[in-house]
mmCIF file of all heavy atoms, coordinates in Angstrom:
data_MODEL
# 
_entry.id   MODEL 
# 
loop_
_atom_site.group_PDB 
_atom_site.id 
_atom_site.type_symbol 
_atom_site.label_atom_id 
_atom_site.label_alt_id 
_atom_site.label_comp_id 
_atom_site.label_asym_id 
_atom_site.label_entity_id 
_atom_site.label_seq_id 
_atom_site.pdbx_PDB_ins_code 
_atom_site.Cartn_x 
_atom_site.Cartn_y 
_atom_site.Cartn_z 
_atom_site.occupancy 
_atom_site.B_iso_or_equiv 
_atom_site.pdbx_formal_charge 
_atom_site.auth_seq_id 
_atom_site.auth_comp_id 
_atom_site.auth_asym_id 
_atom_site.auth_atom_id 
_atom_site.pdbx_PDB_model_num 
ATOM 1   N N   . ARG A 1 1  ? -0.334  4.850   -5.069  1.00 0.00 ? 1  ARG A N   1 
ATOM 2   C CA  . ARG A 1 1  ? 0.683   3.935   -5.606  1.00 0.00 ? 1  ARG A CA  1 
ATOM 3   C C   . ARG A 1 1  ? 2.010   4.122   -4.860  1.00 0.00 ? 1  ARG A C   1 
ATOM 4   O O   . ARG A 1 1  ? 2.753   3.158   -4.628  1.00 0.00 ? 1  ARG A O   1 
ATOM 5   C CB  . ARG A 1 1  ? 0.870   4.174   -7.110  1.00 0.00 ? 1  ARG A CB  1 
ATOM 6   C CG  . ARG A 1 1  ? -0.254  3.591   -7.953  1.00 0.00 ? 1  ARG A CG  1 
ATOM 7   C CD  . ARG A 1 1  ? -0.103  3.973   -9.410  1.00 0.00 ? 1  ARG A CD  1 
ATOM 8   N NE  . ARG A 1 1  ? 0.918   3.228   -10.112 1.00 0.00 ? 1  ARG A NE  1 
ATOM 9   C CZ  . ARG A 1 1  ? 0.714   2.100   -10.783 1.00 0.00 ? 1  ARG A CZ  1 
ATOM 10  N NH1 . ARG A 1 1  ? -0.496  1.564   -10.829 1.00 0.00 ? 1  ARG A NH1 1 
ATOM 11  N NH2 . ARG A 1 1  ? 1.689   1.506   -11.422 1.00 0.00 ? 1  ARG A NH2 1 
ATOM 12  N N   . GLU A 1 2  ? 2.317   5.356   -4.471  1.00 0.00 ? 2  GLU A N   1 
ATOM 13  C CA  . GLU A 1 2  ? 3.568   5.607   -3.757  1.00 0.00 ? 2  GLU A CA  1 
ATOM 14  C C   . GLU A 1 2  ? 3.526   4.984   -2.358  1.00 0.00 ? 2  GLU A C   1 
ATOM 15  O O   . GLU A 1 2  ? 4.531   4.453   -1.880  1.00 0.00 ? 2  GLU A O   1 
ATOM 16  C CB  . GLU A 1 2  ? 3.818   7.116   -3.677  1.00 0.00 ? 2  GLU A CB  1 
ATOM 17  C CG  . GLU A 1 2  ? 5.282   7.492   -3.562  1.00 0.00 ? 2  GLU A CG  1 
ATOM 18  C CD  . GLU A 1 2  ? 6.082   7.220   -4.838  1.00 0.00 ? 2  GLU A CD  1 
ATOM 19  O OE1 . GLU A 1 2  ? 5.503   6.825   -5.873  1.00 0.00 ? 2  GLU A OE1 1 
ATOM 20  O OE2 . GLU A 1 2  ? 7.321   7.408   -4.798  1.00 0.00 ? 2  GLU A OE2 1 
ATOM 21  N N   . TRP A 1 3  ? 2.361   5.036   -1.716  1.00 0.00 ? 3  TRP A N   1 
ATOM 22  C CA  . TRP A 1 3  ? 2.219   4.339   -0.437  1.00 0.00 ? 3  TRP A CA  1 
ATOM 23  C C   . TRP A 1 3  ? 2.431   2.838   -0.612  1.00 0.00 ? 3  TRP A C   1 
ATOM 24  O O   . TRP A 1 3  ? 3.057   2.180   0.229   1.00 0.00 ? 3  TRP A O   1 
ATOM 25  C CB  . TRP A 1 3  ? 0.831   4.594   0.161   1.00 0.00 ? 3  TRP A CB  1 
ATOM 26  C CG  . TRP A 1 3  ? 0.711   5.895   0.886   1.00 0.00 ? 3  TRP A CG  1 
ATOM 27  C CD1 . TRP A 1 3  ? 0.067   7.017   0.461   1.00 0.00 ? 3  TRP A CD1 1 
ATOM 28  C CD2 . TRP A 1 3  ? 1.269   6.229   2.169   1.00 0.00 ? 3  TRP A CD2 1 
ATOM 29  N NE1 . TRP A 1 3  ? 0.177   8.024   1.398   1.00 0.00 ? 3  TRP A NE1 1 
ATOM 30  C CE2 . TRP A 1 3  ? 0.908   7.561   2.450   1.00 0.00 ? 3  TRP A CE2 1 
ATOM 31  C CE3 . TRP A 1 3  ? 2.022   5.522   3.098   1.00 0.00 ? 3  TRP A CE3 1 
ATOM 32  C CZ2 . TRP A 1 3  ? 1.283   8.205   3.636   1.00 0.00 ? 3  TRP A CZ2 1 
ATOM 33  C CZ3 . TRP A 1 3  ? 2.405   6.161   4.279   1.00 0.00 ? 3  TRP A CZ3 1 
ATOM 34  C CH2 . TRP A 1 3  ? 2.031   7.488   4.531   1.00 0.00 ? 3  TRP A CH2 1 
ATOM 35  N N   . CYS A 1 4  ? 1.923   2.293   -1.704  1.00 0.00 ? 4  CYS A N   1 
ATOM 36  C CA  . CYS A 1 4  ? 2.114   0.859   -1.979  1.00 0.00 ? 4  CYS A CA  1 
ATOM 37  C C   . CYS A 1 4  ? 3.571   0.558   -2.313  1.00 0.00 ? 4  CYS A C   1 
ATOM 38  O O   . CYS A 1 4  ? 4.084   -0.522  -1.966  1.00 0.00 ? 4  CYS A O   1 
ATOM 39  C CB  . CYS A 1 4  ? 1.202   0.414   -3.125  1.00 0.00 ? 4  CYS A CB  1 
ATOM 40  S SG  . CYS A 1 4  ? -0.554  0.426   -2.698  1.00 0.00 ? 4  CYS A SG  1 
ATOM 41  N N   . LEU A 1 5  ? 4.249   1.484   -2.978  1.00 0.00 ? 5  LEU A N   1 
ATOM 42  C CA  . LEU A 1 5  ? 5.673   1.327   -3.258  1.00 0.00 ? 5  LEU A CA  1 
ATOM 43  C C   . LEU A 1 5  ? 6.460   1.240   -1.951  1.00 0.00 ? 5  LEU A C   1 
ATOM 44  O O   . LEU A 1 5  ? 7.379   0.422   -1.807  1.00 0.00 ? 5  LEU A O   1 
ATOM 45  C CB  . LEU A 1 5  ? 6.178   2.485   -4.110  1.00 0.00 ? 5  LEU A CB  1 
ATOM 46  C CG  . LEU A 1 5  ? 7.683   2.511   -4.408  1.00 0.00 ? 5  LEU A CG  1 
ATOM 47  C CD1 . LEU A 1 5  ? 8.079   1.339   -5.296  1.00 0.00 ? 5  LEU A CD1 1 
ATOM 48  C CD2 . LEU A 1 5  ? 8.077   3.836   -5.076  1.00 0.00 ? 5  LEU A CD2 1 
ATOM 49  N N   . PHE A 1 6  ? 6.083   2.080   -1.002  1.00 0.00 ? 6  PHE A N   1 
ATOM 50  C CA  . PHE A 1 6  ? 6.720   2.061   0.325   1.00 0.00 ? 6  PHE A CA  1 
ATOM 51  C C   . PHE A 1 6  ? 6.539   0.704   0.995   1.00 0.00 ? 6  PHE A C   1 
ATOM 52  O O   . PHE A 1 6  ? 7.488   0.107   1.521   1.00 0.00 ? 6  PHE A O   1 
ATOM 53  C CB  . PHE A 1 6  ? 6.124   3.184   1.177   1.00 0.00 ? 6  PHE A CB  1 
ATOM 54  C CG  . PHE A 1 6  ? 6.493   3.135   2.629   1.00 0.00 ? 6  PHE A CG  1 
ATOM 55  C CD1 . PHE A 1 6  ? 7.820   3.091   3.038   1.00 0.00 ? 6  PHE A CD1 1 
ATOM 56  C CD2 . PHE A 1 6  ? 5.500   3.135   3.609   1.00 0.00 ? 6  PHE A CD2 1 
ATOM 57  C CE1 . PHE A 1 6  ? 8.161   3.050   4.386   1.00 0.00 ? 6  PHE A CE1 1 
ATOM 58  C CE2 . PHE A 1 6  ? 5.829   3.098   4.956   1.00 0.00 ? 6  PHE A CE2 1 
ATOM 59  C CZ  . PHE A 1 6  ? 7.152   3.045   5.343   1.00 0.00 ? 6  PHE A CZ  1 
ATOM 60  N N   . ARG A 1 7  ? 5.303   0.166   0.956   1.00 0.00 ? 7  ARG A N   1 
ATOM 61  C CA  . ARG A 1 7  ? 5.051   -1.143  1.551   1.00 0.00 ? 7  ARG A CA  1 
ATOM 62  C C   . ARG A 1 7  ? 5.812   -2.240  0.799   1.00 0.00 ? 7  ARG A C   1 
ATOM 63  O O   . ARG A 1 7  ? 6.289   -3.211  1.397   1.00 0.00 ? 7  ARG A O   1 
ATOM 64  C CB  . ARG A 1 7  ? 3.542   -1.449  1.540   1.00 0.00 ? 7  ARG A CB  1 
ATOM 65  C CG  . ARG A 1 7  ? 2.713   -0.519  2.392   1.00 0.00 ? 7  ARG A CG  1 
ATOM 66  C CD  . ARG A 1 7  ? 3.044   -0.647  3.854   1.00 0.00 ? 7  ARG A CD  1 
ATOM 67  N NE  . ARG A 1 7  ? 2.763   -1.997  4.319   1.00 0.00 ? 7  ARG A NE  1 
ATOM 68  C CZ  . ARG A 1 7  ? 3.341   -2.548  5.373   1.00 0.00 ? 7  ARG A CZ  1 
ATOM 69  N NH1 . ARG A 1 7  ? 4.264   -1.877  6.043   1.00 0.00 ? 7  ARG A NH1 1 
ATOM 70  N NH2 . ARG A 1 7  ? 3.027   -3.770  5.756   1.00 0.00 ? 7  ARG A NH2 1 
ATOM 71  N N   . TYR A 1 8  ? 5.949   -2.082  -0.517  1.00 0.00 ? 8  TYR A N   1 
ATOM 72  C CA  . TYR A 1 8  ? 6.705   -3.046  -1.319  1.00 0.00 ? 8  TYR A CA  1 
ATOM 73  C C   . TYR A 1 8  ? 8.179   -3.029  -0.920  1.00 0.00 ? 8  TYR A C   1 
ATOM 74  O O   . TYR A 1 8  ? 8.826   -4.079  -0.827  1.00 0.00 ? 8  TYR A O   1 
ATOM 75  C CB  . TYR A 1 8  ? 6.551   -2.703  -2.796  1.00 0.00 ? 8  TYR A CB  1 
ATOM 76  C CG  . TYR A 1 8  ? 7.290   -3.620  -3.734  1.00 0.00 ? 8  TYR A CG  1 
ATOM 77  C CD1 . TYR A 1 8  ? 6.887   -4.941  -3.912  1.00 0.00 ? 8  TYR A CD1 1 
ATOM 78  C CD2 . TYR A 1 8  ? 8.397   -3.169  -4.452  1.00 0.00 ? 8  TYR A CD2 1 
ATOM 79  C CE1 . TYR A 1 8  ? 7.568   -5.785  -4.780  1.00 0.00 ? 8  TYR A CE1 1 
ATOM 80  C CE2 . TYR A 1 8  ? 9.077   -3.991  -5.320  1.00 0.00 ? 8  TYR A CE2 1 
ATOM 81  C CZ  . TYR A 1 8  ? 8.669   -5.306  -5.480  1.00 0.00 ? 8  TYR A CZ  1 
ATOM 82  O OH  . TYR A 1 8  ? 9.343   -6.144  -6.336  1.00 0.00 ? 8  TYR A OH  1 
ATOM 83  N N   . LYS A 1 9  ? 8.701   -1.837  -0.656  1.00 0.00 ? 9  LYS A N   1 
ATOM 84  C CA  . LYS A 1 9  ? 10.087  -1.702  -0.219  1.00 0.00 ? 9  LYS A CA  1 
ATOM 85  C C   . LYS A 1 9  ? 10.300  -2.412  1.117   1.00 0.00 ? 9  LYS A C   1 
ATOM 86  O O   . LYS A 1 9  ? 11.313  -3.077  1.341   1.00 0.00 ? 9  LYS A O   1 
ATOM 87  C CB  . LYS A 1 9  ? 10.422  -0.216  -0.082  1.00 0.00 ? 9  LYS A CB  1 
ATOM 88  C CG  . LYS A 1 9  ? 11.689  0.132   0.683   1.00 0.00 ? 9  LYS A CG  1 
ATOM 89  C CD  . LYS A 1 9  ? 12.939  -0.131  -0.107  1.00 0.00 ? 9  LYS A CD  1 
ATOM 90  C CE  . LYS A 1 9  ? 14.164  0.404   0.635   1.00 0.00 ? 9  LYS A CE  1 
ATOM 91  N NZ  . LYS A 1 9  ? 15.422  0.055   -0.049  1.00 0.00 ? 9  LYS A NZ  1 
ATOM 92  N N   . VAL A 1 10 ? 9.312   -2.301  2.014   1.00 0.00 ? 10 VAL A N   1 
ATOM 93  C CA  . VAL A 1 10 ? 9.441   -2.863  3.357   1.00 0.00 ? 10 VAL A CA  1 
ATOM 94  C C   . VAL A 1 10 ? 9.213   -4.375  3.366   1.00 0.00 ? 10 VAL A C   1 
ATOM 95  O O   . VAL A 1 10 ? 9.949   -5.129  4.022   1.00 0.00 ? 10 VAL A O   1 
ATOM 96  C CB  . VAL A 1 10 ? 8.457   -2.173  4.331   1.00 0.00 ? 10 VAL A CB  1 
ATOM 97  C CG1 . VAL A 1 10 ? 8.440   -2.864  5.689   1.00 0.00 ? 10 VAL A CG1 1 
ATOM 98  C CG2 . VAL A 1 10 ? 8.812   -0.694  4.479   1.00 0.00 ? 10 VAL A CG2 1 
ATOM 99  N N   . THR A 1 11 ? 8.199   -4.828  2.629   1.00 0.00 ? 11 THR A N   1 
ATOM 100 C CA  . THR A 1 11 ? 7.785   -6.238  2.706   1.00 0.00 ? 11 THR A CA  1 
ATOM 101 C C   . THR A 1 11 ? 8.270   -7.090  1.542   1.00 0.00 ? 11 THR A C   1 
ATOM 102 O O   . THR A 1 11 ? 8.265   -8.315  1.627   1.00 0.00 ? 11 THR A O   1 
ATOM 103 C CB  . THR A 1 11 ? 6.248   -6.341  2.757   1.00 0.00 ? 11 THR A CB  1 
ATOM 104 O OG1 . THR A 1 11 ? 5.696   -5.867  1.513   1.00 0.00 ? 11 THR A OG1 1 
ATOM 105 C CG2 . THR A 1 11 ? 5.678   -5.509  3.901   1.00 0.00 ? 11 THR A CG2 1 
ATOM 106 N N   . GLY A 1 12 ? 8.656   -6.457  0.429   1.00 0.00 ? 12 GLY A N   1 
ATOM 107 C CA  . GLY A 1 12 ? 9.081   -7.207  -0.747  1.00 0.00 ? 12 GLY A CA  1 
ATOM 108 C C   . GLY A 1 12 ? 7.940   -7.780  -1.557  1.00 0.00 ? 12 GLY A C   1 
ATOM 109 O O   . GLY A 1 12 ? 8.152   -8.603  -2.450  1.00 0.00 ? 12 GLY A O   1 
ATOM 110 N N   . ARG A 1 13 ? 6.690   -7.358  -1.272  1.00 0.00 ? 13 ARG A N   1 
ATOM 111 C CA  . ARG A 1 13 ? 5.562   -7.870  -2.040  1.00 0.00 ? 13 ARG A CA  1 
ATOM 112 C C   . ARG A 1 13 ? 4.478   -6.793  -2.140  1.00 0.00 ? 13 ARG A C   1 
ATOM 113 O O   . ARG A 1 13 ? 4.502   -5.801  -1.406  1.00 0.00 ? 13 ARG A O   1 
ATOM 114 C CB  . ARG A 1 13 ? 4.976   -9.123  -1.378  1.00 0.00 ? 13 ARG A CB  1 
ATOM 115 C CG  . ARG A 1 13 ? 4.412   -8.892  0.004   1.00 0.00 ? 13 ARG A CG  1 
ATOM 116 C CD  . ARG A 1 13 ? 3.990   -10.191 0.674   1.00 0.00 ? 13 ARG A CD  1 
ATOM 117 N NE  . ARG A 1 13 ? 3.383   -9.940  1.987   1.00 0.00 ? 13 ARG A NE  1 
ATOM 118 C CZ  . ARG A 1 13 ? 2.102   -9.672  2.173   1.00 0.00 ? 13 ARG A CZ  1 
ATOM 119 N NH1 . ARG A 1 13 ? 1.280   -9.625  1.124   1.00 0.00 ? 13 ARG A NH1 1 
ATOM 120 N NH2 . ARG A 1 13 ? 1.610   -9.464  3.381   1.00 0.00 ? 13 ARG A NH2 1 
ATOM 121 N N   . ILE A 1 14 ? 3.544   -7.015  -3.041  1.00 0.00 ? 14 ILE A N   1 
ATOM 122 C CA  . ILE A 1 14 ? 2.395   -6.145  -3.176  1.00 0.00 ? 14 ILE A CA  1 
ATOM 123 C C   . ILE A 1 14 ? 1.145   -7.026  -3.227  1.00 0.00 ? 14 ILE A C   1 
ATOM 124 O O   . ILE A 1 14 ? 1.134   -8.064  -3.891  1.00 0.00 ? 14 ILE A O   1 
ATOM 125 C CB  . ILE A 1 14 ? 2.480   -5.246  -4.437  1.00 0.00 ? 14 ILE A CB  1 
ATOM 126 C CG1 . ILE A 1 14 ? 1.203   -4.404  -4.575  1.00 0.00 ? 14 ILE A CG1 1 
ATOM 127 C CG2 . ILE A 1 14 ? 2.745   -6.056  -5.697  1.00 0.00 ? 14 ILE A CG2 1 
ATOM 128 C CD1 . ILE A 1 14 ? 1.275   -3.386  -5.694  1.00 0.00 ? 14 ILE A CD1 1 
ATOM 129 N N   . SER A 1 15 ? 0.116   -6.627  -2.496  1.00 0.00 ? 15 SER A N   1 
ATOM 130 C CA  . SER A 1 15 ? -1.120  -7.396  -2.440  1.00 0.00 ? 15 SER A CA  1 
ATOM 131 C C   . SER A 1 15 ? -2.320  -6.461  -2.541  1.00 0.00 ? 15 SER A C   1 
ATOM 132 O O   . SER A 1 15 ? -2.191  -5.243  -2.365  1.00 0.00 ? 15 SER A O   1 
ATOM 133 C CB  . SER A 1 15 ? -1.204  -8.179  -1.122  1.00 0.00 ? 15 SER A CB  1 
ATOM 134 O OG  . SER A 1 15 ? -1.335  -7.280  -0.022  1.00 0.00 ? 15 SER A OG  1 
ATOM 135 N N   . LYS A 1 16 ? -3.481  -7.046  -2.794  1.00 0.00 ? 16 LYS A N   1 
ATOM 136 C CA  . LYS A 1 16 ? -4.698  -6.246  -2.863  1.00 0.00 ? 16 LYS A CA  1 
ATOM 137 C C   . LYS A 1 16 ? -4.967  -5.569  -1.525  1.00 0.00 ? 16 LYS A C   1 
ATOM 138 O O   . LYS A 1 16 ? -5.410  -4.410  -1.485  1.00 0.00 ? 16 LYS A O   1 
ATOM 139 C CB  . LYS A 1 16 ? -5.888  -7.113  -3.262  1.00 0.00 ? 16 LYS A CB  1 
ATOM 140 C CG  . LYS A 1 16 ? -7.171  -6.305  -3.487  1.00 0.00 ? 16 LYS A CG  1 
ATOM 141 C CD  . LYS A 1 16 ? -8.335  -7.180  -3.859  1.00 0.00 ? 16 LYS A CD  1 
ATOM 142 C CE  . LYS A 1 16 ? -8.854  -7.938  -2.657  1.00 0.00 ? 16 LYS A CE  1 
ATOM 143 N NZ  . LYS A 1 16 ? -10.077 -8.692  -2.944  1.00 0.00 ? 16 LYS A NZ  1 
ATOM 144 N N   . GLU A 1 17 ? -4.701  -6.258  -0.421  1.00 0.00 ? 17 GLU A N   1 
ATOM 145 C CA  . GLU A 1 17 ? -4.949  -5.678  0.895   1.00 0.00 ? 17 GLU A CA  1 
ATOM 146 C C   . GLU A 1 17 ? -4.066  -4.465  1.155   1.00 0.00 ? 17 GLU A C   1 
ATOM 147 O O   . GLU A 1 17 ? -4.472  -3.516  1.823   1.00 0.00 ? 17 GLU A O   1 
ATOM 148 C CB  . GLU A 1 17 ? -4.746  -6.733  1.992   1.00 0.00 ? 17 GLU A CB  1 
ATOM 149 C CG  . GLU A 1 17 ? -5.904  -7.700  2.118   1.00 0.00 ? 17 GLU A CG  1 
ATOM 150 C CD  . GLU A 1 17 ? -7.235  -6.990  2.359   1.00 0.00 ? 17 GLU A CD  1 
ATOM 151 O OE1 . GLU A 1 17 ? -7.323  -6.177  3.302   1.00 0.00 ? 17 GLU A OE1 1 
ATOM 152 O OE2 . GLU A 1 17 ? -8.191  -7.248  1.608   1.00 0.00 ? 17 GLU A OE2 1 
ATOM 153 N N   . GLN A 1 18 ? -2.855  -4.473  0.613   1.00 0.00 ? 18 GLN A N   1 
ATOM 154 C CA  . GLN A 1 18 ? -1.994  -3.292  0.750   1.00 0.00 ? 18 GLN A CA  1 
ATOM 155 C C   . GLN A 1 18 ? -2.574  -2.112  -0.012  1.00 0.00 ? 18 GLN A C   1 
ATOM 156 O O   . GLN A 1 18 ? -2.512  -0.968  0.451   1.00 0.00 ? 18 GLN A O   1 
ATOM 157 C CB  . GLN A 1 18 ? -0.587  -3.613  0.246   1.00 0.00 ? 18 GLN A CB  1 
ATOM 158 C CG  . GLN A 1 18 ? 0.213   -4.519  1.167   1.00 0.00 ? 18 GLN A CG  1 
ATOM 159 C CD  . GLN A 1 18 ? 1.568   -4.878  0.600   1.00 0.00 ? 18 GLN A CD  1 
ATOM 160 O OE1 . GLN A 1 18 ? 1.876   -4.579  -0.552  1.00 0.00 ? 18 GLN A OE1 1 
ATOM 161 N NE2 . GLN A 1 18 ? 2.397   -5.529  1.397   1.00 0.00 ? 18 GLN A NE2 1 
ATOM 162 N N   . ILE A 1 19 ? -3.140  -2.357  -1.192  1.00 0.00 ? 19 ILE A N   1 
ATOM 163 C CA  . ILE A 1 19 ? -3.767  -1.286  -1.969  1.00 0.00 ? 19 ILE A CA  1 
ATOM 164 C C   . ILE A 1 19 ? -4.994  -0.756  -1.235  1.00 0.00 ? 19 ILE A C   1 
ATOM 165 O O   . ILE A 1 19 ? -5.220  0.458   -1.162  1.00 0.00 ? 19 ILE A O   1 
ATOM 166 C CB  . ILE A 1 19 ? -4.143  -1.783  -3.378  1.00 0.00 ? 19 ILE A CB  1 
ATOM 167 C CG1 . ILE A 1 19 ? -2.902  -2.312  -4.109  1.00 0.00 ? 19 ILE A CG1 1 
ATOM 168 C CG2 . ILE A 1 19 ? -4.779  -0.653  -4.187  1.00 0.00 ? 19 ILE A CG2 1 
ATOM 169 C CD1 . ILE A 1 19 ? -3.209  -2.970  -5.456  1.00 0.00 ? 19 ILE A CD1 1 
ATOM 170 N N   . VAL A 1 20 ? -5.797  -1.680  -0.673  1.00 0.00 ? 20 VAL A N   1 
ATOM 171 C CA  . VAL A 1 20 ? -6.981  -1.273  0.097   1.00 0.00 ? 20 VAL A CA  1 
ATOM 172 C C   . VAL A 1 20 ? -6.580  -0.378  1.262   1.00 0.00 ? 20 VAL A C   1 
ATOM 173 O O   . VAL A 1 20 ? -7.162  0.697   1.482   1.00 0.00 ? 20 VAL A O   1 
ATOM 174 C CB  . VAL A 1 20 ? -7.745  -2.517  0.623   1.00 0.00 ? 20 VAL A CB  1 
ATOM 175 C CG1 . VAL A 1 20 ? -8.773  -2.118  1.676   1.00 0.00 ? 20 VAL A CG1 1 
ATOM 176 C CG2 . VAL A 1 20 ? -8.426  -3.238  -0.530  1.00 0.00 ? 20 VAL A CG2 1 
ATOM 177 N N   . GLU A 1 21 ? -5.557  -0.798  2.010   1.00 0.00 ? 21 GLU A N   1 
ATOM 178 C CA  . GLU A 1 21 ? -5.117  -0.015  3.171   1.00 0.00 ? 21 GLU A CA  1 
ATOM 179 C C   . GLU A 1 21 ? -4.616  1.361   2.750   1.00 0.00 ? 21 GLU A C   1 
ATOM 180 O O   . GLU A 1 21 ? -4.979  2.380   3.349   1.00 0.00 ? 21 GLU A O   1 
ATOM 181 C CB  . GLU A 1 21 ? -4.023  -0.760  3.933   1.00 0.00 ? 21 GLU A CB  1 
ATOM 182 C CG  . GLU A 1 21 ? -3.560  0.010   5.167   1.00 0.00 ? 21 GLU A CG  1 
ATOM 183 C CD  . GLU A 1 21 ? -2.398  -0.654  5.884   1.00 0.00 ? 21 GLU A CD  1 
ATOM 184 O OE1 . GLU A 1 21 ? -1.800  -1.592  5.319   1.00 0.00 ? 21 GLU A OE1 1 
ATOM 185 O OE2 . GLU A 1 21 ? -2.079  -0.219  7.005   1.00 0.00 ? 21 GLU A OE2 1 
ATOM 186 N N   . ALA A 1 22 ? -3.779  1.413   1.717   1.00 0.00 ? 22 ALA A N   1 
ATOM 187 C CA  . ALA A 1 22 ? -3.258  2.694   1.251   1.00 0.00 ? 22 ALA A CA  1 
ATOM 188 C C   . ALA A 1 22 ? -4.384  3.604   0.775   1.00 0.00 ? 22 ALA A C   1 
ATOM 189 O O   . ALA A 1 22 ? -4.380  4.811   1.035   1.00 0.00 ? 22 ALA A O   1 
ATOM 190 C CB  . ALA A 1 22 ? -2.252  2.471   0.125   1.00 0.00 ? 22 ALA A CB  1 
ATOM 191 N N   . ALA A 1 23 ? -5.379  3.026   0.097   1.00 0.00 ? 23 ALA A N   1 
ATOM 192 C CA  . ALA A 1 23 ? -6.480  3.809   -0.462  1.00 0.00 ? 23 ALA A CA  1 
ATOM 193 C C   . ALA A 1 23 ? -7.357  4.399   0.628   1.00 0.00 ? 23 ALA A C   1 
ATOM 194 O O   . ALA A 1 23 ? -7.655  5.599   0.620   1.00 0.00 ? 23 ALA A O   1 
ATOM 195 C CB  . ALA A 1 23 ? -7.313  2.939   -1.407  1.00 0.00 ? 23 ALA A CB  1 
ATOM 196 N N   . PHE A 1 24 ? -7.790  3.589   1.595   1.00 0.00 ? 24 PHE A N   1 
ATOM 197 C CA  . PHE A 1 24 ? -8.728  4.134   2.576   1.00 0.00 ? 24 PHE A CA  1 
ATOM 198 C C   . PHE A 1 24 ? -8.024  5.081   3.551   1.00 0.00 ? 24 PHE A C   1 
ATOM 199 O O   . PHE A 1 24 ? -8.621  6.057   4.023   1.00 0.00 ? 24 PHE A O   1 
ATOM 200 C CB  . PHE A 1 24 ? -9.500  3.019   3.299   1.00 0.00 ? 24 PHE A CB  1 
ATOM 201 C CG  . PHE A 1 24 ? -8.869  2.431   4.529   1.00 0.00 ? 24 PHE A CG  1 
ATOM 202 C CD1 . PHE A 1 24 ? -8.878  3.110   5.738   1.00 0.00 ? 24 PHE A CD1 1 
ATOM 203 C CD2 . PHE A 1 24 ? -8.305  1.158   4.495   1.00 0.00 ? 24 PHE A CD2 1 
ATOM 204 C CE1 . PHE A 1 24 ? -8.318  2.553   6.877   1.00 0.00 ? 24 PHE A CE1 1 
ATOM 205 C CE2 . PHE A 1 24 ? -7.754  0.595   5.628   1.00 0.00 ? 24 PHE A CE2 1 
ATOM 206 C CZ  . PHE A 1 24 ? -7.754  1.294   6.829   1.00 0.00 ? 24 PHE A CZ  1 
ATOM 207 N N   . ARG A 1 25 ? -6.746  4.840   3.846   1.00 0.00 ? 25 ARG A N   1 
ATOM 208 C CA  . ARG A 1 25 ? -6.025  5.766   4.731   1.00 0.00 ? 25 ARG A CA  1 
ATOM 209 C C   . ARG A 1 25 ? -5.815  7.126   4.050   1.00 0.00 ? 25 ARG A C   1 
ATOM 210 O O   . ARG A 1 25 ? -5.979  8.176   4.678   1.00 0.00 ? 25 ARG A O   1 
ATOM 211 C CB  . ARG A 1 25 ? -4.692  5.164   5.165   1.00 0.00 ? 25 ARG A CB  1 
ATOM 212 C CG  . ARG A 1 25 ? -4.851  4.006   6.147   1.00 0.00 ? 25 ARG A CG  1 
ATOM 213 C CD  . ARG A 1 25 ? -3.529  3.510   6.674   1.00 0.00 ? 25 ARG A CD  1 
ATOM 214 N NE  . ARG A 1 25 ? -3.711  2.395   7.595   1.00 0.00 ? 25 ARG A NE  1 
ATOM 215 C CZ  . ARG A 1 25 ? -4.033  2.526   8.877   1.00 0.00 ? 25 ARG A CZ  1 
ATOM 216 N NH1 . ARG A 1 25 ? -4.182  3.745   9.384   1.00 0.00 ? 25 ARG A NH1 1 
ATOM 217 N NH2 . ARG A 1 25 ? -4.193  1.475   9.652   1.00 0.00 ? 25 ARG A NH2 1 
ATOM 218 N N   . TYR A 1 26 ? -5.442  7.113   2.789   1.00 0.00 ? 26 TYR A N   1 
ATOM 219 C CA  . TYR A 1 26 ? -5.303  8.379   2.063   1.00 0.00 ? 26 TYR A CA  1 
ATOM 220 C C   . TYR A 1 26 ? -6.653  9.093   1.988   1.00 0.00 ? 26 TYR A C   1 
ATOM 221 O O   . TYR A 1 26 ? -6.747  10.303  2.200   1.00 0.00 ? 26 TYR A O   1 
ATOM 222 C CB  . TYR A 1 26 ? -4.774  8.123   0.650   1.00 0.00 ? 26 TYR A CB  1 
ATOM 223 C CG  . TYR A 1 26 ? -4.918  9.317   -0.260  1.00 0.00 ? 26 TYR A CG  1 
ATOM 224 C CD1 . TYR A 1 26 ? -4.043  10.394  -0.174  1.00 0.00 ? 26 TYR A CD1 1 
ATOM 225 C CD2 . TYR A 1 26 ? -5.962  9.390   -1.190  1.00 0.00 ? 26 TYR A CD2 1 
ATOM 226 C CE1 . TYR A 1 26 ? -4.193  11.514  -0.997  1.00 0.00 ? 26 TYR A CE1 1 
ATOM 227 C CE2 . TYR A 1 26 ? -6.116  10.494  -2.004  1.00 0.00 ? 26 TYR A CE2 1 
ATOM 228 C CZ  . TYR A 1 26 ? -5.232  11.544  -1.904  1.00 0.00 ? 26 TYR A CZ  1 
ATOM 229 O OH  . TYR A 1 26 ? -5.395  12.657  -2.717  1.00 0.00 ? 26 TYR A OH  1 
ATOM 230 N N   . SER A 1 27 ? -7.712  8.336   1.685   1.00 0.00 ? 27 SER A N   1 
ATOM 231 C CA  . SER A 1 27 ? -9.040  8.928   1.548   1.00 0.00 ? 27 SER A CA  1 
ATOM 232 C C   . SER A 1 27 ? -9.484  9.590   2.843   1.00 0.00 ? 27 SER A C   1 
ATOM 233 O O   . SER A 1 27 ? -10.063 10.680  2.827   1.00 0.00 ? 27 SER A O   1 
ATOM 234 C CB  . SER A 1 27 ? -10.051 7.858   1.129   1.00 0.00 ? 27 SER A CB  1 
ATOM 235 O OG  . SER A 1 27 ? -11.359 8.377   1.117   1.00 0.00 ? 27 SER A OG  1 
ATOM 236 N N   . ARG A 1 28 ? -9.219  8.963   3.968   1.00 0.00 ? 28 ARG A N   1 
ATOM 237 C CA  . ARG A 1 28 ? -9.624  9.561   5.250   1.00 0.00 ? 28 ARG A CA  1 
ATOM 238 C C   . ARG A 1 28 ? -8.929  10.897  5.473   1.00 0.00 ? 28 ARG A C   1 
ATOM 239 O O   . ARG A 1 28 ? -9.538  11.850  5.971   1.00 0.00 ? 28 ARG A O   1 
ATOM 240 C CB  . ARG A 1 28 ? -9.314  8.614   6.407   1.00 0.00 ? 28 ARG A CB  1 
ATOM 241 C CG  . ARG A 1 28 ? -10.289 7.472   6.481   1.00 0.00 ? 28 ARG A CG  1 
ATOM 242 C CD  . ARG A 1 28 ? -10.430 6.926   7.878   1.00 0.00 ? 28 ARG A CD  1 
ATOM 243 N NE  . ARG A 1 28 ? -11.364 5.806   7.869   1.00 0.00 ? 28 ARG A NE  1 
ATOM 244 C CZ  . ARG A 1 28 ? -11.593 5.024   8.897   1.00 0.00 ? 28 ARG A CZ  1 
ATOM 245 N NH1 . ARG A 1 28 ? -10.961 5.241   10.038  1.00 0.00 ? 28 ARG A NH1 1 
ATOM 246 N NH2 . ARG A 1 28 ? -12.459 4.035   8.818   1.00 0.00 ? 28 ARG A NH2 1 
# 
C-alpha cells in the first residue's frame, strides 16, 4: 500500500495496474 501511496503522490491516481506492479515487485 505504501508503494501505491508513492505512485499516487507522483501520478495523482491509483489503479489496479499500480497495485499489480507494487505487489509483484515487492514479492520478487
